[in-house]
Amino acid sequence: MEHETPSVKDATLAIGQDLLNHFGCVTCHDLPVAPFAERRGPDLDRIGEKTSSAWLRRWLEDPFAVAPTTRMPRVPLTFQEREQIVAFLMVQRRTGSGSPADGDGDPERGRAFYQEAGCPSCHRLGGEGGARGPALDGVKEKLQRAWLTAYLRRPREALGNAAMPEYDLTERQVDDLTAFLLGPGQGGRTDWEETAPDLVIQAGLSAYAQRGCARCHRIGVYRKPLSPEARGLAEAQKVLKHHEADRPNSPRIALTSGQRGAMSEALAFIRASSLSAMPGGAGDVDAFLETYWQTPIPPQGRAPAAFDSTVADLRPEACGTCHVEQWRDWQTTVHSQSMGAGVMGQLLDRIEQEPGFVSGCQECHAPLSEQHRVTPEGDGHRLNPTYRADLQSAGLTCAACHVRGHRRFGPPPGPRPSAQVWGVGHGGAVATAAFEQSAFCRGCHQFPEDGVRLNDKLLENTYNEWLGSPQARQGQTCQTCHMPDRRHLWRGIHDPEMTRQAVRVEVVPRGYGEDDSLRAEVRVENAGAGHHLPTYVTPAIYVTVRLLDRMMGVLPGTEEVRVVQRRVVLTTEESWELFDTRIPAGGRWVFDYATFSHADAALLEVTLDVHPDDFYQGFFEGYDRDGISEAARSMIDTAWGRTALTPYRLMARRWPLSALAPGQGGQ
C-alpha cells in the first residue's frame, strides 16, 4: 500500500471539512461528513425545559468546574456571548410543556428502586457506579422536575438522541426516582423564566453557531436539507453566503476569506463524491509508519489560508492553546528536553564541518525539517530556508509526532475529547491505530539491524527487548505504561515512582559457611518493565549490601557494591562493551553476598541507587573541551552539572539477622 506525504491541498480539504462541522453545517444540513455526523453531545430541542439559565451560565463559563469528568471542552466566550447563548437555549422548549409533576414520590423507595433497576451499572452517583451514562452528582442543581419525570417516562421524547432505553416505568416508580434524585416535593418550576428580547435570542443563535456549539449538539427545528443542485464550487459558495447576512431564525456566521474558500472546496468535494474518497486515510500500520517516520520529516509547507495564526504555528505552546493537558504534561518530560544543553553542546560547532553527524542526531532529537539548520542535498547539505531556532530548541515537539503537511494525525477517538478548549481547530485528525502500538516508538527507540553493535548487540535495542517480553505477549504496549490514559508523560528511569513499580527485591539467607562467613542471596527482579532494566546504555542501578549494628552504623569491611547496567565505552576511534548486567523483562539479577560474621551485626541492609544519566556523567566530565567555542563549552559544563542532580535513592531495605536464618526469606 502506498502512503504519500499529505499535501497542503489535503490539509485545505480537511480544514474545510472540519469548519463545516464546527459551524454546524453538518448538524443542520444533510452532509455526510464523518466522524461528527454522529454527534457526541445531547440534542438541545428541550434544553429550556431541562435546566435553568443560572445553571447554563455556570456550565458555559467552565464545564470542568461543574462536572470534572465531562467530555465537553471549555468554549472561550465573552460575557455577552454567554448571555446571548443562554437566552437562545432557554427558548428551546415545547409549547405548553413545563407543567409540574403530580407525584408525591418517596425518596427511600426511589433509592431502593435505583439499585434494584440496575441504574448504577451506567450512572455514577456519590462516587460509585459506571461511566456509560452521565454522572448524576449535581442533578439537583441542574435538572427541572417536570423534565426529569418526562424523561423517565419517555427518554427519546424528552431528549431526541437519548441513549437510555425505555423501561416502561410505572408512575409511582417515576415519582420515587425523581424524589430520590431531586429530593421530595410537589412539581417544579410552574412559570417559565422571563424570555429575552428577540434580538438577543437571534444573536444567541449566531453565537451558538459561530462558537461551534452546533458541531456536537442538534436542535431539530433548525435542520434543513440543502438543495440537490448545490454541487459545484459556485453553488457551494452561495450556500455559505446565505449565512453572512442577518436573517430571522438563521445564524449569521462571520468567515474569513480563507475559511470560506476551504469550506467551499470541501462542500463541493463532498457533494460531488463520497466521503471515502477524502484524502489522508491511514491503513496498514507498518506501511503507514515507514512513510510517516521519514526523517528529517519533510517541510510542512505553506499553511492553508483557512488556518488562523495559532493553528499554523508548529510550536508546542501553540498546540497548548487548545490541548491544555497534553501541553502541560509535555513540559515535564525528557522529550521536551531532547535538544538540551548536552545535545546542543555537541552539535553547535559541528554544523559546518560535520552536517551529516548533526542531522543524524536530530533525526530523533528534533526530527522536523523546520528544526534543521541544514538539509541534505545530493551528496552534501545546504542551508535550510525553513529553519526556526525556537522550534529546534523545543526538541521532540507535538508536530513531530502529529503533523505532516499541516494535516494532523492521532489515535482513534478516546472517551474524552483531545482538546480541553474549543476552537475552530485544524481540520480534525486522521485517526490511525499506529499511535496505540509500540511500533510507533520504534524509529527512535530501536536501531535498525545494520545499526551500531557492541558485543554483537545493537546499541539501542529497546523495541526488540519489548518484543520478547511477557508484556508484549499480554498485549501491553509502550503506551500502556508510558502514556497511561493517553497522558503525554513518558515517565521512565528518571521518575522514582515509575522505577519503583518495576523492581522487586528479595533476600534469601544461605546461613554461615565453614569459614564463619555470613552468606545471603540478594535478588533484584524486573517485575514491571516491559524491556531490560534499565534499557539502553545511559542509566545504572547501584546495589549496595552491608551489615549494620544496632545503632545503624555500617560495620567496616561488610559493604559490597554491584551495578546493574550495560556499561560501554564510546569514542570516535573505537567503542566496546565492558559488561552487561541488565535484567530482561520478567528476569532476575542475583548477587551472592558473603562477609565475615560480626558479633555486633544486627541488620542486613540493601539499597538501590538509580543514576539515570550515569553514562553521560562520565561522558561530559571527560569531554574534550580543547578547541571548542565558549558557547559549546558552557553547554557541556551545564549538561555535566545537571547529570549530577539526577541520581536518587530508590529504596533502602533492612532485615534483622534473626529473621534471616536458613530456610527463611525476606522481601
Foldseek 3Di string as FASTA:
>chain_A
DADDFDALLLLLLLLLLLLCLQLQVLQQAPFPRPDLVPFDDFALLALLQWFDLVVQLVCQQAVCVQPVPDQDFHFDDDPLLSVLLSLLSNPRRDPPAQAFDADQADQVVLVVVCVVVPVQQPEAEPNGGHPNDYHLPPSLNTGFLRLQLVCQQPVCVSIVPDPDDHDNDDSRNSQNNSCNSNNGDTTGDHDRDDRDDQVSNQQNVQSCSQRRVSSRYHHHVSHDYDDLVQAALVSLLVVLVVQCDDDPPGHNYDADPLNSNSNSVNRNVSSVDPPVPSPDADDDLVSRLVNLLDFLAPALPDHRPRDDPLLRDQAQVSVCVWQVQQSVQQVQAVQQCLCALQNCLVCVVCCVPCVVVNRVSCSQFPRHLLLRQWDDDDPRIDGDPSHDPVSVRRTNHPCSLFNTSSAGADAPDDPHDSTNYGDSHRSDHHHDCSRVAQVSVCVPQDDPPPADDAPNHHQRHFVVLLCPAPCVVVVHHQCVLQQPVNHNNRDDLLDLVSVLVQWDWKKAWPQADPVQKTKIKIKIWRADDSGWVVGGAFKKKKKWKFFAFPVRHTDPPGIDIDIAGFHKDDDPVDIHTPDHRIARHGGMGMDIGIDHDDPRTWKMKIWIKMQRGRVLLVVLVPPDPPPRDPSSVVSSVVVNVVSVVRMDTSDMDMDTVVQNHHPHMDD
